[in-house]
Amino acid sequence: MYERLPVLAAALWWGSLSAIGFVAVPLLFAHLPTPAMAGNMAAKLFAAQTYISIAACACLLVISKRKHAENPEQWAQAAMVFVILGLLLALLVQYGVAPRIVARENLRLWHGVGSGMYFVQWLCAGITLWKTAKQGS
């Protein structure tokens, strides 16, 4: 079970980003009566997803440290760069960009910045999932 934990954590991270960002939030804007209502709910979903990202990345970092100590050749350190970058992006979006979007401060700019950072985080999670699944096989 322990050897499969990195794949599960990476899958949860990538899957939650995919489900929230590319399915749930667009559906909110398509089906709720006003963009303001959809935006408020989207902010809550993105906040919840940030906590999933933090937990998954923390799990991956702890496991990578243990695996690297046991066998430096076994765990690809390059994957950890993507975990750390993804974690930093999640924190920056949640605590730096999202408050500006919620305050409707230069909405077009901050929404674009946040969307770009979210997409890069999604790529980091996907690369991490790919690398951890490849190592598990």
Protein backbone atom coordinates (compact mmCIF):
# COMPACT_ATOMS: atom_id res chain seq x y z
CA MET A 1 0.00 0.00 0.00
CA TYR A 2 2.77 2.44 0.93
CA GLU A 3 4.36 2.24 -2.51
CA ARG A 4 1.07 3.22 -4.15
CA LEU A 5 0.47 6.25 -1.95
CA PRO A 6 2.41 8.69 -4.20
CA VAL A 7 0.32 7.68 -7.21
CA LEU A 8 -2.89 8.09 -5.22
CA ALA A 9 -1.82 11.52 -3.91
CA ALA A 10 -0.80 12.69 -7.39
CA ALA A 11 -4.05 11.35 -8.89
CA LEU A 12 -6.13 13.13 -6.24
CA TRP A 13 -4.25 16.36 -6.86
CA TRP A 14 -4.55 16.24 -10.67
CA GLY A 15 -8.10 14.89 -10.61
CA SER A 16 -9.36 17.55 -8.20
CA LEU A 17 -7.81 20.32 -10.30
CA SER A 18 -9.40 18.83 -13.43
CA ALA A 19 -12.85 18.30 -11.91
CA ILE A 20 -13.11 21.70 -10.25
CA GLY A 21 -11.41 23.88 -12.84
CA PHE A 22 -12.58 22.29 -16.05
CA VAL A 23 -15.98 20.84 -15.11
CA ALA A 24 -17.60 22.21 -11.94
CA VAL A 25 -16.77 25.91 -12.24
CA PRO A 26 -17.72 26.23 -15.93
CA LEU A 27 -21.03 24.53 -15.08
CA LEU A 28 -21.65 27.08 -12.32
CA PHE A 29 -21.29 29.94 -14.77
CA ALA A 30 -23.48 28.16 -17.31
CA HIS A 31 -26.34 27.33 -14.94
CA LEU A 32 -26.51 29.79 -12.05
CA PRO A 33 -28.68 32.86 -12.60
CA THR A 34 -25.94 35.49 -12.23
CA PRO A 35 -22.18 35.57 -12.72
CA ALA A 36 -21.84 36.99 -9.18
CA MET A 37 -23.52 33.92 -7.68
CA ALA A 38 -21.37 31.62 -9.81
CA GLY A 39 -18.23 33.54 -8.88
CA ASN A 40 -18.94 33.31 -5.16
CA MET A 41 -19.50 29.57 -5.37
CA ALA A 42 -16.46 29.12 -7.62
CA ALA A 43 -14.29 30.89 -5.03
CA LYS A 44 -15.45 28.40 -2.38
CA LEU A 45 -14.74 25.44 -4.65
CA PHE A 46 -11.28 26.75 -5.52
CA ALA A 47 -10.52 27.30 -1.82
CA ALA A 48 -11.51 23.70 -1.04
CA GLN A 49 -9.39 22.49 -3.94
CA THR A 50 -6.40 24.43 -2.59
CA TYR A 51 -6.58 22.42 0.64
CA ILE A 52 -6.61 19.21 -1.40
CA SER A 53 -3.53 20.45 -3.27
CA ILE A 54 -1.74 21.30 -0.02
CA ALA A 55 -2.49 17.88 1.47
CA ALA A 56 -1.52 15.96 -1.68
CA CYS A 57 1.72 17.92 -2.13
CA ALA A 58 2.65 17.54 1.53
CA CYS A 59 2.09 13.79 1.25
CA LEU A 60 4.23 13.61 -1.89
CA LEU A 61 7.04 15.64 -0.30
CA VAL A 62 7.10 13.53 2.88
CA ILE A 63 7.12 10.28 0.91
CA SER A 64 9.80 11.56 -1.47
CA LYS A 65 12.09 12.43 1.44
CA ARG A 66 11.68 8.96 2.91
CA LYS A 67 12.16 7.23 -0.47
CA HIS A 68 15.21 9.32 -1.26
CA ALA A 69 16.75 8.44 2.10
CA GLU A 70 16.13 4.72 1.45
CA ASN A 71 17.33 4.66 -2.14
CA PRO A 72 18.45 7.87 -3.89
CA GLU A 73 18.13 6.25 -7.34
CA GLN A 74 14.54 5.12 -6.84
CA TRP A 75 12.71 8.44 -6.56
CA ALA A 76 12.97 10.95 -9.38
CA GLN A 77 13.94 14.25 -7.80
CA ALA A 78 12.82 16.08 -10.93
CA ALA A 79 9.23 15.21 -10.04
CA MET A 80 9.63 17.04 -6.73
CA VAL A 81 10.36 20.29 -8.56
CA PHE A 82 6.88 20.05 -10.07
CA VAL A 83 5.32 19.26 -6.69
CA ILE A 84 6.97 22.28 -5.07
CA LEU A 85 6.11 24.56 -8.00
CA GLY A 86 2.50 23.33 -7.99
CA LEU A 87 2.21 23.85 -4.25
CA LEU A 88 3.58 27.38 -4.51
CA LEU A 89 1.18 28.18 -7.34
CA ALA A 90 -1.78 26.86 -5.33
CA LEU A 91 -0.83 29.07 -2.39
CA LEU A 92 -0.21 32.12 -4.59
CA VAL A 93 -3.54 31.75 -6.37
CA GLN A 94 -5.48 31.23 -3.14
CA TYR A 95 -3.88 33.93 -1.02
CA GLY A 96 -2.56 36.39 -3.60
CA VAL A 97 -4.79 36.30 -6.65
CA ALA A 98 -8.19 35.06 -5.42
CA PRO A 99 -8.74 37.92 -2.95
CA ARG A 100 -8.27 40.39 -5.80
CA ILE A 101 -10.73 38.50 -7.99
CA VAL A 102 -13.32 38.34 -5.19
CA ALA A 103 -12.84 42.09 -4.59
CA ARG A 104 -13.34 42.59 -8.34
CA GLU A 105 -10.05 44.52 -8.43
CA ASN A 106 -8.93 44.80 -12.06
CA LEU A 107 -10.95 41.65 -12.67
CA ARG A 108 -9.81 40.93 -16.21
CA LEU A 109 -6.11 41.05 -15.30
CA TRP A 110 -6.33 39.02 -12.08
CA HIS A 111 -8.69 36.45 -13.58
CA GLY A 112 -6.23 35.93 -16.43
CA VAL A 113 -3.27 35.65 -14.05
CA GLY A 114 -5.18 33.23 -11.80
CA SER A 115 -6.32 31.10 -14.73
CA GLY A 116 -2.79 30.89 -16.09
CA MET A 117 -1.37 29.93 -12.71
CA TYR A 118 -4.12 27.35 -12.21
CA PHE A 119 -3.32 25.82 -15.60
CA VAL A 120 0.40 25.63 -14.80
CA GLN A 121 -0.48 23.98 -11.47
CA TRP A 122 -2.62 21.49 -13.40
CA LEU A 123 0.37 20.74 -15.66
CA CYS A 124 2.62 20.26 -12.61
CA ALA A 125 0.12 17.84 -11.11
CA GLY A 126 -0.18 15.96 -14.41
CA ILE A 127 3.59 15.64 -14.79
CA THR A 128 3.86 14.48 -11.17
CA LEU A 129 1.14 11.90 -11.74
CA TRP A 130 2.85 10.69 -14.91
CA LYS A 131 6.23 10.36 -13.20
CA THR A 132 4.89 8.66 -10.07
CA ALA A 133 2.74 6.22 -12.05
CA LYS A 134 5.72 5.38 -14.28
CA GLN A 135 7.91 4.71 -11.24
CA GLY A 136 5.25 2.49 -9.69
CA SER A 137 5.13 0.15 -12.68
